Amino acid sequence: MDQASPIRALAKAGTVFDHSDAIETATAVFDLHPYNESLGLRERVKIDGQALSFDRTLNHQIIFAAAATELAPHQDTVLDRVKRFLSKLESNMRLHENGLIKHYARPPLVPMLREVARSPHHYDMIINECAFHYYSYSKSRRRKERGYQAVNLSALSLLKERVPDHGVWSTDTISRSVDFLRQAQEELIEGIDTKHGSLVQATDIAKIRSRFEERPIQCYEELISTDITRTPSRGEGVFELERINSSTEAALVSALADIPNVDPR
């Protein structure tokens, strides 16, 4: 996800604790990442500031945009760019027939080739086009995409909350992907035929359904409790798993920070 998590953390801390330097740092890091208006995709940046080609992983693009919305109250240009990203999302976000989101972003072919011709360092996008078709038939990739359905939609639901009037939310692409999540909800929580993804699947699904169905988060207390009190495979809460170190546990706790007044049982 590149710098998405640091941007969100610095922006949140800067707002809560009134630290303007944290917000300025987060904004500077956001501005370091080139954004391509034609394709609606962000480029990756090396630690030394060198720009690479586009980040082809769709959830990285979406999560970065969602994290940037924390800066929107402080920087008008951030929100403008997020809106442009959303305007191009339907042409970059591809689905399987059942509504499962495909792992790679896939911009339209002609604009993509035009960008490669203009900037040869984007040659990876040609490889991406080939890989996109190959992985469309991969059972292993399908399991990974199932694991990341809630990851993608959790970030998209946050974007919906922050930019509620954007036209993308009424598109068939969004409605089909949310419908798949509802239909496969229990399987995704139980980890059936899934690989990777979020450790707090049920909590993510609660947020997604609350935001897309426009119902209070309290309506989904049972889902949130599933993550806190147990996991299907081991019968214990996510925060009690031996493989969870203190840093990961802190990151997971932060996932609960935007769920007020919920009484897990």
C-alpha atoms as a PDB file:
ATOM      1  CA  MET A   1       0.000   0.000   0.000  1.00  0.00           C
ATOM      2  CA  ASP A   2       3.071   2.218  -0.130  1.00  0.00           C
ATOM      3  CA  GLN A   3       2.517   5.263   2.089  1.00  0.00           C
ATOM      4  CA  ALA A   4      -1.250   4.938   2.623  1.00  0.00           C
ATOM      5  CA  SER A   5      -1.026   3.920   6.278  1.00  0.00           C
ATOM      6  CA  PRO A   6       1.544   6.599   7.260  1.00  0.00           C
ATOM      7  CA  ILE A   7      -0.521   9.263   5.471  1.00  0.00           C
ATOM      8  CA  ARG A   8      -3.688   8.254   7.280  1.00  0.00           C
ATOM      9  CA  ALA A   9      -1.965   7.920  10.651  1.00  0.00           C
ATOM     10  CA  LEU A  10      -0.204  11.296  10.406  1.00  0.00           C
ATOM     11  CA  ALA A  11      -3.347  13.036   9.187  1.00  0.00           C
ATOM     12  CA  LYS A  12      -5.473  11.500  11.940  1.00  0.00           C
ATOM     13  CA  ALA A  13      -2.921  12.324  14.628  1.00  0.00           C
ATOM     14  CA  GLY A  14      -2.492  15.833  13.296  1.00  0.00           C
ATOM     15  CA  THR A  15      -6.238  16.415  13.459  1.00  0.00           C
ATOM     16  CA  VAL A  16      -6.857  14.827  16.860  1.00  0.00           C
ATOM     17  CA  PHE A  17      -3.843  16.346  18.589  1.00  0.00           C
ATOM     18  CA  ASP A  18      -3.777  19.575  16.582  1.00  0.00           C
ATOM     19  CA  HIS A  19      -0.263  18.939  15.236  1.00  0.00           C
ATOM     20  CA  SER A  20       0.052  20.924  12.023  1.00  0.00           C
ATOM     21  CA  ASP A  21       3.505  19.456  11.330  1.00  0.00           C
ATOM     22  CA  ALA A  22       2.033  15.942  11.094  1.00  0.00           C
ATOM     23  CA  ILE A  23      -0.559  17.128   8.585  1.00  0.00           C
ATOM     24  CA  GLU A  24       2.092  18.981   6.580  1.00  0.00           C
ATOM     25  CA  THR A  25       4.263  15.852   6.454  1.00  0.00           C
ATOM     26  CA  ALA A  26       1.350  13.679   5.350  1.00  0.00           C
ATOM     27  CA  THR A  27       0.432  16.195   2.645  1.00  0.00           C
ATOM     28  CA  ALA A  28       4.027  16.330   1.413  1.00  0.00           C
ATOM     29  CA  VAL A  29       4.173  12.538   1.158  1.00  0.00           C
ATOM     30  CA  PHE A  30       0.850  12.469  -0.690  1.00  0.00           C
ATOM     31  CA  ASP A  31       2.092  15.108  -3.143  1.00  0.00           C
ATOM     32  CA  LEU A  32       5.228  13.065  -3.884  1.00  0.00           C
ATOM     33  CA  HIS A  33       3.133  10.448  -5.674  1.00  0.00           C
ATOM     34  CA  PRO A  34       2.452  11.371  -9.313  1.00  0.00           C
ATOM     35  CA  TYR A  35      -1.133  10.930 -10.434  1.00  0.00           C
ATOM     36  CA  ASN A  36      -1.992  10.222 -14.058  1.00  0.00           C
ATOM     37  CA  GLU A  37      -5.119  12.108 -15.123  1.00  0.00           C
ATOM     38  CA  SER A  38      -5.648  10.007 -18.244  1.00  0.00           C
ATOM     39  CA  LEU A  39      -5.673   6.614 -16.530  1.00  0.00           C
ATOM     40  CA  GLY A  40      -6.790   7.691 -13.073  1.00  0.00           C
ATOM     41  CA  LEU A  41      -3.964   5.776 -11.393  1.00  0.00           C
ATOM     42  CA  ARG A  42      -1.266   6.702  -8.904  1.00  0.00           C
ATOM     43  CA  GLU A  43       2.399   5.915  -9.498  1.00  0.00           C
ATOM     44  CA  ARG A  44       4.639   4.233  -6.947  1.00  0.00           C
ATOM     45  CA  VAL A  45       7.588   6.086  -5.450  1.00  0.00           C
ATOM     46  CA  LYS A  46      10.844   4.613  -4.157  1.00  0.00           C
ATOM     47  CA  ILE A  47      12.180   5.533  -0.740  1.00  0.00           C
ATOM     48  CA  ASP A  48      14.584   8.001  -2.383  1.00  0.00           C
ATOM     49  CA  GLY A  49      11.701   9.772  -4.146  1.00  0.00           C
ATOM     50  CA  GLN A  50      12.205   8.230  -7.583  1.00  0.00           C
ATOM     51  CA  ALA A  51       8.883   7.694  -9.361  1.00  0.00           C
ATOM     52  CA  LEU A  52       8.226   4.192 -10.646  1.00  0.00           C
ATOM     53  CA  SER A  53       5.373   3.001 -12.832  1.00  0.00           C
ATOM     54  CA  PHE A  54       1.763   2.648 -11.739  1.00  0.00           C
ATOM     55  CA  ASP A  55       0.780   0.509  -8.794  1.00  0.00           C
ATOM     56  CA  ARG A  56      -1.111  -2.269 -10.577  1.00  0.00           C
ATOM     57  CA  THR A  57      -2.710  -3.715  -7.430  1.00  0.00           C
ATOM     58  CA  LEU A  58      -6.225  -2.310  -7.261  1.00  0.00           C
ATOM     59  CA  ASN A  59      -6.643  -2.421  -3.493  1.00  0.00           C
ATOM     60  CA  HIS A  60      -3.445  -0.365  -3.114  1.00  0.00           C
ATOM     61  CA  GLN A  61      -4.900   2.339  -5.345  1.00  0.00           C
ATOM     62  CA  ILE A  62      -8.205   2.381  -3.468  1.00  0.00           C
ATOM     63  CA  ILE A  63      -6.670   2.301   0.016  1.00  0.00           C
ATOM     64  CA  PHE A  64      -4.307   5.154  -0.874  1.00  0.00           C
ATOM     65  CA  ALA A  65      -7.252   7.284  -2.021  1.00  0.00           C
ATOM     66  CA  ALA A  66      -9.225   6.437   1.125  1.00  0.00           C
ATOM     67  CA  ALA A  67      -6.282   7.347   3.358  1.00  0.00           C
ATOM     68  CA  ALA A  68      -5.901  10.659   1.543  1.00  0.00           C
ATOM     69  CA  THR A  69      -9.418  11.699   2.518  1.00  0.00           C
ATOM     70  CA  GLU A  70      -8.085  12.286   6.042  1.00  0.00           C
ATOM     71  CA  LEU A  71      -6.208  15.231   4.520  1.00  0.00           C
ATOM     72  CA  ALA A  72      -9.194  16.625   2.625  1.00  0.00           C
ATOM     73  CA  PRO A  73     -10.290  19.062   5.379  1.00  0.00           C
ATOM     74  CA  HIS A  74      -6.819  20.578   5.317  1.00  0.00           C
ATOM     75  CA  GLN A  75      -6.037  20.562   1.594  1.00  0.00           C
ATOM     76  CA  ASP A  76      -8.631  21.181  -1.146  1.00  0.00           C
ATOM     77  CA  THR A  77      -6.439  19.725  -3.885  1.00  0.00           C
ATOM     78  CA  VAL A  78      -6.455  16.325  -2.158  1.00  0.00           C
ATOM     79  CA  LEU A  79     -10.227  15.995  -2.426  1.00  0.00           C
ATOM     80  CA  ASP A  80     -10.119  17.102  -6.068  1.00  0.00           C
ATOM     81  CA  ARG A  81      -7.679  14.316  -6.860  1.00  0.00           C
ATOM     82  CA  VAL A  82      -9.703  11.726  -4.945  1.00  0.00           C
ATOM     83  CA  LYS A  83     -12.792  12.702  -6.934  1.00  0.00           C
ATOM     84  CA  ARG A  84     -10.883  12.301 -10.194  1.00  0.00           C
ATOM     85  CA  PHE A  85      -9.700   8.885  -9.037  1.00  0.00           C
ATOM     86  CA  LEU A  86     -13.309   7.873  -8.348  1.00  0.00           C
ATOM     87  CA  SER A  87     -14.400   9.171 -11.742  1.00  0.00           C
ATOM     88  CA  LYS A  88     -11.984   6.742 -13.409  1.00  0.00           C
ATOM     89  CA  LEU A  89     -12.620   3.862 -11.018  1.00  0.00           C
ATOM     90  CA  GLU A  90     -15.323   2.124 -13.025  1.00  0.00           C
ATOM     91  CA  SER A  91     -12.991   1.815 -16.023  1.00  0.00           C
ATOM     92  CA  ASN A  92     -10.101   0.505 -13.858  1.00  0.00           C
ATOM     93  CA  MET A  93     -11.975  -1.841 -11.519  1.00  0.00           C
ATOM     94  CA  ARG A  94     -12.919  -5.098 -13.238  1.00  0.00           C
ATOM     95  CA  LEU A  95     -15.158  -7.836 -11.856  1.00  0.00           C
ATOM     96  CA  HIS A  96     -15.716 -11.522 -12.391  1.00  0.00           C
ATOM     97  CA  GLU A  97     -19.233 -12.428 -13.523  1.00  0.00           C
ATOM     98  CA  ASN A  98     -20.316 -13.060  -9.914  1.00  0.00           C
ATOM     99  CA  GLY A  99     -19.193  -9.614  -8.721  1.00  0.00           C
ATOM    100  CA  LEU A 100     -15.820 -10.638  -7.266  1.00  0.00           C
ATOM    101  CA  ILE A 101     -13.306  -7.821  -7.719  1.00  0.00           C
ATOM    102  CA  LYS A 102     -10.240  -8.709  -9.777  1.00  0.00           C
ATOM    103  CA  HIS A 103      -6.900  -8.100  -8.108  1.00  0.00           C
ATOM    104  CA  TYR A 104      -5.226  -5.991 -10.779  1.00  0.00           C
ATOM    105  CA  ALA A 105      -6.379  -2.600 -11.968  1.00  0.00           C
ATOM    106  CA  ARG A 106      -6.964  -2.676 -15.704  1.00  0.00           C
ATOM    107  CA  PRO A 107      -7.276   0.691 -17.449  1.00  0.00           C
ATOM    108  CA  PRO A 108      -8.727   0.839 -20.986  1.00  0.00           C
ATOM    109  CA  LEU A 109      -6.257  -0.467 -23.558  1.00  0.00           C
ATOM    110  CA  VAL A 110      -5.913   2.544 -25.886  1.00  0.00           C
ATOM    111  CA  PRO A 111      -5.198   5.184 -23.195  1.00  0.00           C
ATOM    112  CA  MET A 112      -2.839   2.731 -21.497  1.00  0.00           C
ATOM    113  CA  LEU A 113      -0.811   2.146 -24.686  1.00  0.00           C
ATOM    114  CA  ARG A 114      -0.717   5.885 -25.256  1.00  0.00           C
ATOM    115  CA  GLU A 115       0.843   6.402 -21.810  1.00  0.00           C
ATOM    116  CA  VAL A 116       3.386   3.624 -22.400  1.00  0.00           C
ATOM    117  CA  ALA A 117       4.408   5.240 -25.694  1.00  0.00           C
ATOM    118  CA  ARG A 118       4.739   8.610 -23.978  1.00  0.00           C
ATOM    119  CA  SER A 119       6.644   7.250 -20.952  1.00  0.00           C
ATOM    120  CA  PRO A 120       8.487   3.950 -21.597  1.00  0.00           C
ATOM    121  CA  HIS A 121       8.991   3.356 -17.860  1.00  0.00           C
ATOM    122  CA  HIS A 122       5.278   2.437 -17.815  1.00  0.00           C
ATOM    123  CA  TYR A 123       6.079  -0.699 -19.835  1.00  0.00           C
ATOM    124  CA  ASP A 124       4.923  -2.762 -16.832  1.00  0.00           C
ATOM    125  CA  MET A 125       1.367  -1.946 -17.857  1.00  0.00           C
ATOM    126  CA  ILE A 126       1.759  -4.103 -20.958  1.00  0.00           C
ATOM    127  CA  ILE A 127       2.863  -6.959 -18.719  1.00  0.00           C
ATOM    128  CA  ASN A 128      -0.120  -6.127 -16.535  1.00  0.00           C
ATOM    129  CA  GLU A 129      -2.476  -6.550 -19.493  1.00  0.00           C
ATOM    130  CA  CYS A 130      -1.116 -10.046 -20.136  1.00  0.00           C
ATOM    131  CA  ALA A 131      -1.133 -10.982 -16.452  1.00  0.00           C
ATOM    132  CA  PHE A 132      -4.683  -9.719 -16.066  1.00  0.00           C
ATOM    133  CA  HIS A 133      -5.982 -12.245 -18.597  1.00  0.00           C
ATOM    134  CA  TYR A 134      -3.823 -15.081 -17.248  1.00  0.00           C
ATOM    135  CA  TYR A 135      -4.913 -14.598 -13.642  1.00  0.00           C
ATOM    136  CA  SER A 136      -8.564 -14.361 -14.637  1.00  0.00           C
ATOM    137  CA  TYR A 137      -8.464 -18.171 -14.940  1.00  0.00           C
ATOM    138  CA  SER A 138      -6.258 -18.878 -11.912  1.00  0.00           C
ATOM    139  CA  LYS A 139      -7.967 -20.701  -9.022  1.00  0.00           C
ATOM    140  CA  SER A 140      -5.221 -19.570  -6.650  1.00  0.00           C
ATOM    141  CA  ARG A 141      -5.714 -15.938  -7.667  1.00  0.00           C
ATOM    142  CA  ARG A 142      -9.483 -16.340  -7.269  1.00  0.00           C
ATOM    143  CA  ARG A 143      -8.943 -17.403  -3.634  1.00  0.00           C
ATOM    144  CA  LYS A 144      -6.806 -14.315  -3.057  1.00  0.00           C
ATOM    145  CA  GLU A 145      -9.417 -12.076  -4.652  1.00  0.00           C
ATOM    146  CA  ARG A 146     -12.064 -13.538  -2.347  1.00  0.00           C
ATOM    147  CA  GLY A 147      -9.850 -12.707   0.615  1.00  0.00           C
ATOM    148  CA  TYR A 148      -9.433  -9.131  -0.600  1.00  0.00           C
ATOM    149  CA  GLN A 149     -13.095  -8.443  -1.447  1.00  0.00           C
ATOM    150  CA  ALA A 150     -13.697  -6.942   1.994  1.00  0.00           C
ATOM    151  CA  VAL A 151     -10.363  -5.091   1.891  1.00  0.00           C
ATOM    152  CA  ASN A 152     -11.349  -3.346  -1.340  1.00  0.00           C
ATOM    153  CA  LEU A 153     -14.902  -2.623  -0.265  1.00  0.00           C
ATOM    154  CA  SER A 154     -13.901  -1.426   3.205  1.00  0.00           C
ATOM    155  CA  ALA A 155     -11.749   1.292   1.655  1.00  0.00           C
ATOM    156  CA  LEU A 156     -14.436   2.047  -0.925  1.00  0.00           C
ATOM    157  CA  SER A 157     -17.058   2.348   1.813  1.00  0.00           C
ATOM    158  CA  LEU A 158     -14.852   4.900   3.585  1.00  0.00           C
ATOM    159  CA  LEU A 159     -14.575   6.825   0.326  1.00  0.00           C
ATOM    160  CA  LYS A 160     -18.370   6.685   0.009  1.00  0.00           C
ATOM    161  CA  GLU A 161     -18.690   8.131   3.499  1.00  0.00           C
ATOM    162  CA  ARG A 162     -16.247  10.948   2.714  1.00  0.00           C
ATOM    163  CA  VAL A 163     -17.424  11.652  -0.872  1.00  0.00           C
ATOM    164  CA  PRO A 164     -21.089  10.586  -0.710  1.00  0.00           C
ATOM    165  CA  ASP A 165     -22.397  12.486  -3.741  1.00  0.00           C
ATOM    166  CA  HIS A 166     -20.062  10.962  -6.321  1.00  0.00           C
ATOM    167  CA  GLY A 167     -21.783   9.161  -9.190  1.00  0.00           C
ATOM    168  CA  VAL A 168     -19.639   6.027  -8.917  1.00  0.00           C
ATOM    169  CA  TRP A 169     -21.706   4.758  -5.962  1.00  0.00           C
ATOM    170  CA  SER A 170     -24.762   4.232  -8.161  1.00  0.00           C
ATOM    171  CA  THR A 171     -22.913   2.216 -10.803  1.00  0.00           C
ATOM    172  CA  ASP A 172     -23.468  -1.451 -11.585  1.00  0.00           C
ATOM    173  CA  THR A 173     -19.811  -2.151 -10.780  1.00  0.00           C
ATOM    174  CA  ILE A 174     -20.217  -1.082  -7.160  1.00  0.00           C
ATOM    175  CA  SER A 175     -23.621  -2.691  -6.635  1.00  0.00           C
ATOM    176  CA  ARG A 176     -22.484  -6.052  -8.036  1.00  0.00           C
ATOM    177  CA  SER A 177     -19.363  -6.126  -5.873  1.00  0.00           C
ATOM    178  CA  VAL A 178     -21.371  -5.339  -2.724  1.00  0.00           C
ATOM    179  CA  ASP A 179     -23.977  -7.970  -3.660  1.00  0.00           C
ATOM    180  CA  PHE A 180     -21.224 -10.595  -3.932  1.00  0.00           C
ATOM    181  CA  LEU A 181     -20.008  -9.669  -0.448  1.00  0.00           C
ATOM    182  CA  ARG A 182     -23.482 -10.088   1.043  1.00  0.00           C
ATOM    183  CA  GLN A 183     -24.009 -13.444  -0.642  1.00  0.00           C
ATOM    184  CA  ALA A 184     -20.579 -14.818   0.318  1.00  0.00           C
ATOM    185  CA  GLN A 185     -20.396 -13.151   3.732  1.00  0.00           C
ATOM    186  CA  GLU A 186     -20.376 -16.279   5.905  1.00  0.00           C
ATOM    187  CA  GLU A 187     -17.872 -18.089   3.689  1.00  0.00           C
ATOM    188  CA  LEU A 188     -15.511 -15.112   3.705  1.00  0.00           C
ATOM    189  CA  ILE A 189     -15.683 -14.801   7.483  1.00  0.00           C
ATOM    190  CA  GLU A 190     -15.071 -18.535   7.901  1.00  0.00           C
ATOM    191  CA  GLY A 191     -12.140 -18.359   5.468  1.00  0.00           C
ATOM    192  CA  ILE A 192     -13.675 -20.838   3.033  1.00  0.00           C
ATOM    193  CA  ASP A 193     -11.802 -20.906  -0.281  1.00  0.00           C
ATOM    194  CA  THR A 194      -9.987 -17.664   0.602  1.00  0.00           C
ATOM    195  CA  LYS A 195      -6.351 -16.651   0.862  1.00  0.00           C
ATOM    196  CA  HIS A 196      -4.792 -13.613   2.557  1.00  0.00           C
ATOM    197  CA  GLY A 197      -6.967 -10.546   3.042  1.00  0.00           C
ATOM    198  CA  SER A 198      -7.922  -8.883   6.306  1.00  0.00           C
ATOM    199  CA  LEU A 199      -7.546 -10.469   9.738  1.00  0.00           C
ATOM    200  CA  VAL A 200     -10.735  -8.661  10.753  1.00  0.00           C
ATOM    201  CA  GLN A 201     -13.002  -9.745   7.902  1.00  0.00           C
ATOM    202  CA  ALA A 202     -16.203  -9.559   9.950  1.00  0.00           C
ATOM    203  CA  THR A 203     -15.419  -6.051  11.214  1.00  0.00           C
ATOM    204  CA  ASP A 204     -14.660  -4.901   7.683  1.00  0.00           C
ATOM    205  CA  ILE A 205     -17.935  -6.398   6.459  1.00  0.00           C
ATOM    206  CA  ALA A 206     -19.807  -4.613   9.251  1.00  0.00           C
ATOM    207  CA  LYS A 207     -18.348  -1.279   8.145  1.00  0.00           C
ATOM    208  CA  ILE A 208     -19.054  -2.004   4.483  1.00  0.00           C
ATOM    209  CA  ARG A 209     -22.671  -2.947   5.050  1.00  0.00           C
ATOM    210  CA  SER A 210     -23.266  -0.041   7.413  1.00  0.00           C
ATOM    211  CA  ARG A 211     -21.937   2.494   4.915  1.00  0.00           C
ATOM    212  CA  PHE A 212     -23.410   1.044   1.734  1.00  0.00           C
ATOM    213  CA  GLU A 213     -26.751   0.097   3.282  1.00  0.00           C
ATOM    214  CA  GLU A 214     -26.821   3.414   5.172  1.00  0.00           C
ATOM    215  CA  ARG A 215     -27.708   1.845   8.498  1.00  0.00           C
ATOM    216  CA  PRO A 216     -26.125   2.530  11.924  1.00  0.00           C
ATOM    217  CA  ILE A 217     -23.060   0.446  12.724  1.00  0.00           C
ATOM    218  CA  GLN A 218     -24.885  -0.795  15.825  1.00  0.00           C
ATOM    219  CA  CYS A 219     -27.006  -2.941  13.514  1.00  0.00           C
ATOM    220  CA  TYR A 220     -23.914  -5.059  12.864  1.00  0.00           C
ATOM    221  CA  GLU A 221     -22.680  -5.606  16.434  1.00  0.00           C
ATOM    222  CA  GLU A 222     -22.818  -9.366  16.007  1.00  0.00           C
ATOM    223  CA  LEU A 223     -20.398  -9.197  13.074  1.00  0.00           C
ATOM    224  CA  ILE A 224     -17.905  -7.093  15.027  1.00  0.00           C
ATOM    225  CA  SER A 225     -18.165  -9.463  17.995  1.00  0.00           C
ATOM    226  CA  THR A 226     -17.172 -12.326  15.702  1.00  0.00           C
ATOM    227  CA  ASP A 227     -13.676 -10.864  15.317  1.00  0.00           C
ATOM    228  CA  ILE A 228     -13.247  -9.736  18.907  1.00  0.00           C
ATOM    229  CA  THR A 229     -14.475 -12.855  20.671  1.00  0.00           C
ATOM    230  CA  ARG A 230     -13.515 -15.712  18.368  1.00  0.00           C
ATOM    231  CA  THR A 231     -12.172 -16.884  15.036  1.00  0.00           C
ATOM    232  CA  PRO A 232     -13.816 -19.743  13.169  1.00  0.00           C
ATOM    233  CA  SER A 233     -10.638 -21.776  12.847  1.00  0.00           C
ATOM    234  CA  ARG A 234      -9.335 -21.524  16.430  1.00  0.00           C
ATOM    235  CA  GLY A 235     -12.268 -20.424  18.515  1.00  0.00           C
ATOM    236  CA  GLU A 236     -10.473 -17.433  20.027  1.00  0.00           C
ATOM    237  CA  GLY A 237     -10.497 -13.719  19.340  1.00  0.00           C
ATOM    238  CA  VAL A 238      -8.222 -12.219  16.693  1.00  0.00           C
ATOM    239  CA  PHE A 239      -6.408 -10.213  19.357  1.00  0.00           C
ATOM    240  CA  GLU A 240      -5.596 -13.401  21.298  1.00  0.00           C
ATOM    241  CA  LEU A 241      -3.912 -15.272  18.466  1.00  0.00           C
ATOM    242  CA  GLU A 242      -0.318 -16.227  19.268  1.00  0.00           C
ATOM    243  CA  ARG A 243       0.903 -15.191  15.820  1.00  0.00           C
ATOM    244  CA  ILE A 244      -0.250 -11.583  16.352  1.00  0.00           C
ATOM    245  CA  ASN A 245       2.649  -9.427  17.531  1.00  0.00           C
ATOM    246  CA  SER A 246       2.210  -6.132  19.375  1.00  0.00           C
ATOM    247  CA  SER A 247       2.617  -3.991  16.247  1.00  0.00           C
ATOM    248  CA  THR A 248       0.019  -5.972  14.305  1.00  0.00           C
ATOM    249  CA  GLU A 249      -2.300  -5.935  17.305  1.00  0.00           C
ATOM    250  CA  ALA A 250      -2.018  -2.140  17.524  1.00  0.00           C
ATOM    251  CA  ALA A 251      -2.866  -1.875  13.816  1.00  0.00           C
ATOM    252  CA  LEU A 252      -5.890  -4.130  14.309  1.00  0.00           C
ATOM    253  CA  VAL A 253      -7.092  -2.066  17.263  1.00  0.00           C
ATOM    254  CA  SER A 254      -6.960   1.011  15.041  1.00  0.00           C
ATOM    255  CA  ALA A 255      -9.526  -0.708  12.813  1.00  0.00           C
ATOM    256  CA  LEU A 256     -11.977  -0.351  15.697  1.00  0.00           C
ATOM    257  CA  ALA A 257     -11.315   3.353  16.205  1.00  0.00           C
ATOM    258  CA  ASP A 258     -14.114   4.483  13.866  1.00  0.00           C
ATOM    259  CA  ILE A 259     -16.740   2.157  15.421  1.00  0.00           C
ATOM    260  CA  PRO A 260     -18.305   4.144  18.275  1.00  0.00           C
ATOM    261  CA  ASN A 261     -20.801   2.894  20.855  1.00  0.00           C
ATOM    262  CA  VAL A 262     -20.756  -0.780  19.953  1.00  0.00           C
ATOM    263  CA  ASP A 263     -21.094  -3.338  22.722  1.00  0.00           C
ATOM    264  CA  PRO A 264     -19.452  -6.578  21.535  1.00  0.00           C
ATOM    265  CA  ARG A 265     -20.911  -9.692  23.122  1.00  0.00           C
END
